[in-house]
Amino acid sequence: MGGTKLRLRRVLLSAILGILTLTFLWAGGAGDGINEVSGDTDEMSAALPKRIVQVGSSAFIVTNALYLFPEASLRLVGVVDGTQRNGFFANDIDPNFDDKTVLPRAASTETILALEPDVVVMKDFMKKRMGEPLERMGVETLYLNLETLEAWMDDLDKLGKLFGNMKRAEELKLAINNRVTSLEETLAELTEEDKPEVLLLYWSVKDGAMALNVPPLSWIQTRMVEMAGGIPAWRDVNLDENWILASIEQIALWNPDVVFVVAYHVSAIEAVETIRNNDTWQQLEAVENNRIHAFPTDYHSWDQPDIRWLLGLKWLATILHPEYFENVDMVDEARAFYEEIYGMGEADFDRLILPRLTGLD
C-alpha cells in the first residue's frame, strides 16, 4: 500500500512540474516570449496563442511575414492597415479577413487590450512606444526585425514557434537560402571591375520639393545591391539607422553608372520621369545613358524588407548583369515566387498581382 501511495505522489509531482514548466515558458522563460511547445497533437496546439494581434508602424512587413504561415488566417484577430498605395494584400489573400479588427497604426494600449490578445507582434523599434506599455499590463509581446537576411532567418524561427509550425519556418528559410545561393553561384565569376557603381534612391516629396534618400549600409536595400553584383555608390558615407537625405550635389559627385528609384506612396515610374526631365539630372551618366530604373512594385515595392525583397534581388541582378539572365522572365519568376511563398495559384496571381505589377518594362 505504501508503494502505491509513493507512486501516486510521483505522478502528481510530475504533473505539477509539467504545468509549471509550460507556465514559465509562456510567461517569457523561453527567451523570446514565445511558447516553445510545438507539434501536431491537440494538447500541444492548445498551448499555442489563439489570439494574435499585429500593431505599429511598418505594419505590412510584419503582417505579410505572419501570413507566410497558414495558421495566421485563423489566429490573427487584429492587424494594422499597411496599405501603401496598391491595396491591402492581407485582406485580399485571407478568406477570414472580415473576422479581423483593422487597427490604426497608433492604436492605444486600451484599444489593443480590448481585443484580448494572447500575443502582440510588432517591429522591434516599436518596443518602447507600444510594447513596453503592453508588457506592463501583462500582455505577451513578440518583436521582429526583418531588416537583413540574417534577421529574416532568426525571425522565421520566432514565427515558427509562435504558430507551432517549425516545419514551415524551415521550408521558408530553405526557400530564401536557395534563391540567394543560386544567385551567388550565377554571379560567382564577377570581378570587382565587372561591378557597376549603383545608386539606390528613395524618392519622396517634402514641403513640395523632391527629396532623395539613400539607405543605411546595414539595410536590406544596400545588401541587395551588393548581392546583385553592384557597388553601392554611397558606401563611404557615415549613415545612421534611417534613410539619409542626399543632395543633388552629392549625387553628382557619386555620378553612378546605374540609378534605381524606389517610391512607396507615389509611382516610382512617375518619379523616374520627373528625374529624367530635370536639367541637372540629365548631366549624370546614368540618366544620359538611360540607366535609371523604377523599382518594380505590386502591392509593395520589391526593395523593402518584406519577403518580396527576394524578387527585387533577382530583378536587380537581371538589370545589372543581363548577360547572365538571358532566359529569365521576371513575370514567370514572380508567379513561381507567389506560388512557393504564399501558395498562390495562377488564377489568383493573374487577378491580384499581375494588374498591380509595374516596373518590369
Protein backbone atom coordinates (compact mmCIF):
# COMPACT_ATOMS: atom_id res chain seq x y z
CA MET A 1 0.00 0.00 0.00
CA GLY A 2 2.91 2.38 0.88
CA GLY A 3 4.47 1.75 -2.56
CA THR A 4 1.18 2.65 -4.27
CA LYS A 5 0.96 5.97 -2.37
CA LEU A 6 4.58 6.77 -3.28
CA ARG A 7 3.88 6.15 -6.97
CA LEU A 8 0.78 8.38 -6.82
CA ARG A 9 2.80 11.19 -5.23
CA ARG A 10 5.40 10.92 -8.03
CA VAL A 11 2.70 11.09 -10.72
CA LEU A 12 1.14 14.16 -9.10
CA LEU A 13 4.54 15.84 -8.69
CA SER A 14 5.38 15.21 -12.37
CA ALA A 15 2.06 16.67 -13.47
CA ILE A 16 2.55 19.80 -11.34
CA LEU A 17 6.10 20.29 -12.64
CA GLY A 18 4.82 19.94 -16.22
CA ILE A 19 2.20 22.64 -15.68
CA LEU A 20 4.74 24.96 -14.04
CA THR A 21 7.18 24.44 -16.93
CA LEU A 22 4.59 25.39 -19.55
CA THR A 23 3.56 28.39 -17.47
CA PHE A 24 7.20 29.51 -17.22
CA LEU A 25 7.72 29.24 -20.97
CA TRP A 26 4.63 31.25 -21.82
CA ALA A 27 5.49 33.87 -19.21
CA GLY A 28 8.75 34.64 -21.01
CA GLY A 29 11.13 31.99 -19.70
CA ALA A 30 11.75 30.78 -23.24
CA GLY A 31 13.69 33.96 -24.02
CA ASP A 32 11.66 35.39 -26.92
CA GLY A 33 8.28 35.36 -25.20
CA ILE A 34 7.22 32.52 -27.49
CA ASN A 35 5.91 29.19 -26.27
CA GLU A 36 8.45 26.50 -27.18
CA VAL A 37 5.75 23.83 -27.32
CA SER A 38 5.03 22.84 -30.91
CA GLY A 39 3.68 19.81 -32.69
CA ASP A 40 0.58 18.26 -34.14
CA THR A 41 -1.32 16.94 -31.15
CA ASP A 42 -4.35 18.66 -29.70
CA GLU A 43 -2.59 19.12 -26.35
CA MET A 44 0.35 20.92 -27.95
CA SER A 45 -1.91 23.09 -30.11
CA ALA A 46 -3.87 24.10 -27.01
CA ALA A 47 -0.70 25.62 -25.53
CA LEU A 48 -0.21 27.96 -28.51
CA PRO A 49 -1.63 31.51 -28.65
CA LYS A 50 -5.05 31.65 -30.27
CA ARG A 51 -5.47 35.44 -30.40
CA ILE A 52 -2.57 37.20 -32.12
CA VAL A 53 -2.59 40.94 -32.78
CA GLN A 54 -0.18 42.85 -35.02
CA VAL A 55 0.42 46.54 -34.24
CA GLY A 56 2.64 49.52 -35.00
CA SER A 57 4.48 51.08 -37.92
CA SER A 58 5.97 49.15 -40.84
CA ALA A 59 2.79 47.15 -40.48
CA PHE A 60 2.70 45.41 -43.84
CA ILE A 61 6.20 43.98 -43.36
CA VAL A 62 5.11 42.24 -40.16
CA THR A 63 1.65 41.26 -41.41
CA ASN A 64 2.97 39.77 -44.63
CA ALA A 65 5.54 37.80 -42.64
CA LEU A 66 2.80 36.42 -40.41
CA TYR A 67 0.82 35.30 -43.46
CA LEU A 68 3.75 33.16 -44.57
CA PHE A 69 2.29 30.68 -42.09
CA PRO A 70 -1.13 29.13 -42.88
CA GLU A 71 -2.17 29.38 -39.22
CA ALA A 72 -2.26 33.18 -39.46
CA SER A 73 -5.67 33.20 -41.14
CA LEU A 74 -7.40 31.76 -38.05
CA ARG A 75 -5.18 33.06 -35.24
CA LEU A 76 -4.73 36.69 -36.24
CA VAL A 77 -7.56 38.71 -34.72
CA GLY A 78 -6.22 42.22 -35.27
CA VAL A 79 -3.91 43.82 -37.85
CA VAL A 80 -2.87 47.30 -38.89
CA ASP A 81 -3.77 48.51 -42.37
CA GLY A 82 -0.34 48.63 -44.00
CA THR A 83 -1.56 49.78 -47.40
CA GLN A 84 0.98 51.94 -49.21
CA ARG A 85 -0.84 52.69 -52.45
CA ASN A 86 -1.81 49.47 -54.23
CA GLY A 87 -4.26 47.76 -51.92
CA PHE A 88 -4.29 45.66 -48.76
CA PHE A 89 -2.53 42.35 -49.50
CA ALA A 90 -3.67 40.58 -46.32
CA ASN A 91 -7.27 41.46 -46.99
CA ASP A 92 -7.07 40.02 -50.50
CA ILE A 93 -5.46 36.68 -49.60
CA ASP A 94 -7.22 35.82 -46.33
CA PRO A 95 -10.73 34.34 -46.67
CA ASN A 96 -11.27 35.03 -42.96
CA PHE A 97 -10.20 38.66 -43.06
CA ASP A 98 -13.69 40.01 -42.37
CA ASP A 99 -13.46 38.45 -38.89
CA LYS A 100 -10.44 40.60 -38.01
CA THR A 101 -10.23 44.06 -36.50
CA VAL A 102 -8.25 46.58 -38.57
CA LEU A 103 -6.33 48.88 -36.23
CA PRO A 104 -4.82 52.33 -36.77
CA ARG A 105 -1.01 52.40 -36.74
CA ALA A 106 -1.01 54.39 -33.49
CA ALA A 107 -3.61 52.24 -31.72
CA SER A 108 -3.75 52.91 -27.98
CA THR A 109 -2.94 50.32 -25.36
CA GLU A 110 -6.62 50.26 -24.39
CA THR A 111 -7.70 49.59 -27.98
CA ILE A 112 -5.26 46.70 -28.26
CA LEU A 113 -6.27 45.24 -24.89
CA ALA A 114 -9.91 45.25 -25.98
CA LEU A 115 -9.02 42.52 -28.49
CA GLU A 116 -7.90 40.26 -25.59
CA PRO A 117 -4.64 39.27 -27.27
CA ASP A 118 -2.52 36.31 -26.22
CA VAL A 119 0.44 37.82 -28.09
CA VAL A 120 1.02 41.21 -29.73
CA VAL A 121 3.53 41.25 -32.61
CA MET A 122 5.36 44.35 -33.86
CA LYS A 123 8.60 45.62 -35.34
CA ASP A 124 11.38 45.82 -32.77
CA PHE A 125 11.71 49.62 -32.98
CA MET A 126 8.15 49.85 -31.60
CA LYS A 127 9.13 48.25 -28.29
CA LYS A 128 9.42 51.40 -26.19
CA ARG A 129 6.43 53.19 -27.67
CA MET A 130 3.94 50.30 -27.86
CA GLY A 131 5.48 47.13 -26.50
CA GLU A 132 6.51 48.17 -23.01
CA PRO A 133 3.11 49.66 -22.06
CA LEU A 134 1.51 46.36 -23.07
CA GLU A 135 4.07 44.36 -21.13
CA ARG A 136 3.32 46.40 -18.01
CA MET A 137 -0.29 45.26 -18.42
CA GLY A 138 0.86 41.63 -18.52
CA VAL A 139 0.50 41.17 -22.28
CA GLU A 140 2.95 38.91 -24.11
CA THR A 141 4.86 40.64 -26.93
CA LEU A 142 6.95 39.47 -29.86
CA TYR A 143 9.40 41.77 -31.67
CA LEU A 144 10.57 41.19 -35.24
CA ASN A 145 13.45 42.92 -37.02
CA LEU A 146 13.22 41.65 -40.63
CA GLU A 147 15.78 44.20 -41.87
CA THR A 148 18.58 41.87 -43.01
CA LEU A 149 18.99 38.37 -44.41
CA GLU A 150 20.26 37.18 -41.03
CA ALA A 151 17.35 38.81 -39.20
CA TRP A 152 14.89 37.11 -41.52
CA MET A 153 16.31 33.72 -40.60
CA ASP A 154 16.05 34.46 -36.87
CA ASP A 155 12.57 35.95 -37.14
CA LEU A 156 11.23 32.99 -39.12
CA ASP A 157 12.27 30.79 -36.20
CA LYS A 158 10.33 33.09 -33.85
CA LEU A 159 7.26 32.86 -36.05
CA GLY A 160 7.61 29.11 -36.31
CA LYS A 161 7.44 28.92 -32.52
CA LEU A 162 4.55 31.38 -32.40
CA PHE A 163 2.44 29.22 -34.69
CA GLY A 164 3.81 25.87 -33.56
CA ASN A 165 4.98 25.19 -37.11
CA MET A 166 8.76 24.91 -37.21
CA LYS A 167 8.47 22.77 -40.34
CA ARG A 168 7.09 25.75 -42.24
CA ALA A 169 9.80 28.00 -40.80
CA GLU A 170 12.47 25.63 -42.09
CA GLU A 171 10.77 25.47 -45.51
CA LEU A 172 10.83 29.25 -45.76
CA LYS A 173 14.44 29.52 -44.64
CA LEU A 174 15.40 26.93 -47.24
CA ALA A 175 13.48 28.81 -49.96
CA ILE A 176 15.30 32.04 -49.08
CA ASN A 177 18.68 30.32 -48.90
CA ASN A 178 18.14 28.53 -52.21
CA ARG A 179 17.29 31.77 -54.03
CA VAL A 180 20.21 33.69 -52.57
CA THR A 181 22.68 30.84 -53.13
CA SER A 182 21.54 30.33 -56.72
CA LEU A 183 22.13 34.00 -57.47
CA GLU A 184 25.54 33.97 -55.80
CA GLU A 185 26.58 30.95 -57.85
CA THR A 186 25.38 32.57 -61.09
CA LEU A 187 27.43 35.71 -60.40
CA ALA A 188 30.42 33.96 -58.82
CA GLU A 189 32.79 34.80 -61.69
CA LEU A 190 32.21 38.56 -61.49
CA THR A 191 35.32 40.61 -60.72
CA GLU A 192 35.27 44.00 -59.00
CA GLU A 193 35.85 45.59 -62.40
CA ASP A 194 32.67 43.93 -63.68
CA LYS A 195 30.52 45.53 -60.97
CA PRO A 196 28.90 48.90 -61.78
CA GLU A 197 28.59 51.75 -59.33
CA VAL A 198 24.95 51.75 -58.24
CA LEU A 199 22.83 54.39 -56.54
CA LEU A 200 19.55 53.37 -54.93
CA LEU A 201 17.35 56.33 -54.02
CA TYR A 202 14.12 56.62 -52.07
CA TRP A 203 12.09 59.36 -53.77
CA SER A 204 9.54 61.39 -51.88
CA VAL A 205 8.10 64.88 -51.84
CA LYS A 206 8.74 67.01 -48.77
CA ASP A 207 7.28 70.50 -48.43
CA GLY A 208 6.57 70.48 -52.15
CA ALA A 209 10.19 69.71 -53.05
CA MET A 210 11.77 66.50 -54.31
CA ALA A 211 13.59 64.60 -51.55
CA LEU A 212 16.08 61.84 -52.37
CA ASN A 213 17.46 59.49 -49.73
CA VAL A 214 19.95 56.63 -49.51
CA PRO A 215 19.62 53.67 -47.12
CA PRO A 216 21.95 52.76 -44.24
CA LEU A 217 24.73 50.36 -45.16
CA SER A 218 23.24 47.66 -42.93
CA TRP A 219 19.78 47.69 -44.53
CA ILE A 220 18.46 45.11 -46.95
CA GLN A 221 18.45 47.60 -49.85
CA THR A 222 22.23 48.02 -49.63
CA ARG A 223 22.78 44.29 -49.27
CA MET A 224 20.58 43.66 -52.31
CA VAL A 225 22.76 45.92 -54.45
CA GLU A 226 25.86 44.06 -53.29
CA MET A 227 24.38 40.58 -53.74
CA ALA A 228 23.13 41.52 -57.22
CA GLY A 229 26.66 42.38 -58.32
CA GLY A 230 26.75 46.14 -57.80
CA ILE A 231 28.86 48.51 -55.73
CA PRO A 232 26.82 50.93 -53.57
CA ALA A 233 27.91 54.44 -54.56
CA TRP A 234 27.13 55.67 -51.02
CA ARG A 235 29.33 53.04 -49.30
CA ASP A 236 31.74 55.60 -47.79
CA VAL A 237 29.05 57.75 -46.25
CA ASN A 238 28.66 57.58 -42.48
CA LEU A 239 24.98 56.78 -42.11
CA ASP A 240 22.71 56.30 -39.13
CA GLU A 241 19.80 53.90 -38.78
CA ASN A 242 17.38 55.59 -41.15
CA TRP A 243 17.15 56.98 -44.67
CA ILE A 244 19.63 59.82 -45.21
CA LEU A 245 18.89 62.80 -47.42
CA ALA A 246 21.27 63.06 -50.39
CA SER A 247 21.74 66.39 -52.14
CA ILE A 248 21.93 66.65 -55.90
CA GLU A 249 25.49 67.93 -55.44
CA GLN A 250 26.46 64.76 -53.61
CA ILE A 251 24.73 62.59 -56.19
CA ALA A 252 26.62 64.42 -58.95
CA LEU A 253 29.89 63.66 -57.16
CA TRP A 254 28.99 59.98 -56.97
CA ASN A 255 27.94 60.02 -60.66
CA PRO A 256 26.87 56.36 -60.57
CA ASP A 257 26.68 54.03 -63.55
CA VAL A 258 23.14 52.94 -62.68
CA VAL A 259 20.37 54.57 -60.62
CA PHE A 260 17.40 52.75 -59.09
CA VAL A 261 14.48 54.75 -57.71
CA VAL A 262 12.03 53.47 -55.12
CA ALA A 263 8.84 55.22 -54.03
CA TYR A 264 6.26 53.94 -51.57
CA HIS A 265 3.31 56.31 -51.69
CA VAL A 266 3.60 57.58 -55.25
CA SER A 267 4.52 55.96 -58.54
CA ALA A 268 8.22 55.16 -58.90
CA ILE A 269 7.77 55.29 -62.68
CA GLU A 270 6.48 58.86 -62.45
CA ALA A 271 9.36 59.72 -60.11
CA VAL A 272 11.86 58.46 -62.69
CA GLU A 273 10.21 60.56 -65.41
CA THR A 274 10.45 63.63 -63.18
CA ILE A 275 14.16 62.99 -62.70
CA ARG A 276 14.75 62.39 -66.40
CA ASN A 277 13.17 65.72 -67.26
CA ASN A 278 15.29 67.63 -64.76
CA ASP A 279 18.11 69.60 -66.44
CA THR A 280 20.55 68.97 -63.58
CA TRP A 281 19.92 65.23 -63.57
CA GLN A 282 20.36 64.99 -67.31
CA GLN A 283 24.06 65.68 -66.79
CA LEU A 284 24.53 62.42 -64.89
CA GLU A 285 25.95 59.49 -66.85
CA ALA A 286 23.23 57.11 -65.65
CA VAL A 287 20.47 59.40 -66.93
CA GLU A 288 22.33 60.24 -70.14
CA ASN A 289 22.83 56.51 -70.83
CA ASN A 290 19.21 55.68 -69.93
CA ARG A 291 20.31 53.58 -66.97
CA ILE A 292 17.85 54.92 -64.44
CA HIS A 293 15.14 52.47 -63.40
CA ALA A 294 11.98 52.49 -61.32
CA PHE A 295 11.95 49.61 -58.86
CA PRO A 296 9.19 47.04 -59.51
CA THR A 297 6.07 47.15 -57.37
CA ASP A 298 2.96 45.06 -56.92
CA TYR A 299 1.18 45.62 -53.62
CA HIS A 300 4.52 46.88 -52.28
CA SER A 301 7.87 47.87 -53.74
CA TRP A 302 10.26 44.96 -54.14
CA ASP A 303 13.12 46.75 -52.37
CA GLN A 304 11.63 46.72 -48.87
CA PRO A 305 12.39 44.14 -46.15
CA ASP A 306 9.07 42.49 -46.90
CA ILE A 307 9.55 38.94 -48.30
CA ARG A 308 9.30 40.48 -51.79
CA TRP A 309 12.92 41.58 -51.44
CA LEU A 310 13.79 38.18 -52.92
CA LEU A 311 12.07 39.20 -56.15
CA GLY A 312 13.77 42.59 -56.03
CA LEU A 313 17.16 40.93 -55.64
CA LYS A 314 16.68 38.77 -58.73
CA TRP A 315 15.38 41.70 -60.76
CA LEU A 316 18.33 43.88 -59.73
CA ALA A 317 20.74 41.22 -60.92
CA THR A 318 18.98 40.93 -64.30
CA ILE A 319 19.34 44.69 -64.81
CA LEU A 320 22.96 44.94 -63.67
CA HIS A 321 24.17 41.77 -65.42
CA PRO A 322 21.64 40.81 -68.11
CA GLU A 323 24.17 38.57 -69.87
CA TYR A 324 23.79 36.05 -67.01
CA PHE A 325 19.99 36.03 -67.12
CA GLU A 326 19.06 35.96 -70.81
CA ASN A 327 16.35 33.33 -70.28
CA VAL A 328 14.83 34.86 -67.14
CA ASP A 329 11.30 36.25 -67.37
CA MET A 330 10.53 38.20 -64.19
CA VAL A 331 6.78 37.71 -64.54
CA ASP A 332 7.38 33.96 -64.53
CA GLU A 333 9.74 34.42 -61.57
CA ALA A 334 7.06 36.35 -59.69
CA ARG A 335 4.43 33.73 -60.49
CA ALA A 336 6.68 30.94 -59.15
CA PHE A 337 7.58 33.04 -56.10
CA TYR A 338 3.98 33.65 -55.05
CA GLU A 339 3.11 30.01 -55.52
CA GLU A 340 6.05 28.83 -53.40
CA ILE A 341 5.90 31.50 -50.71
CA TYR A 342 2.16 32.13 -50.36
CA GLY A 343 0.64 29.09 -52.08
CA MET A 344 -0.99 31.40 -54.63
CA GLY A 345 -2.38 29.71 -57.73
CA GLU A 346 -2.16 31.07 -61.26
CA ALA A 347 -5.72 32.42 -61.29
CA ASP A 348 -5.16 34.43 -58.09
CA PHE A 349 -1.78 35.65 -59.36
CA ASP A 350 -3.43 36.87 -62.57
CA ARG A 351 -6.22 38.51 -60.57
CA LEU A 352 -4.25 40.07 -57.70
CA ILE A 353 -0.60 40.51 -58.64
CA LEU A 354 -0.38 40.94 -62.39
CA PRO A 355 -2.67 44.00 -62.64
CA ARG A 356 -0.61 45.77 -59.94
CA LEU A 357 2.82 44.77 -61.22
CA THR A 358 4.81 47.68 -62.64
CA GLY A 359 8.46 48.44 -63.31
CA LEU A 360 9.43 45.36 -65.32
CA ASP A 361 9.39 47.09 -68.72
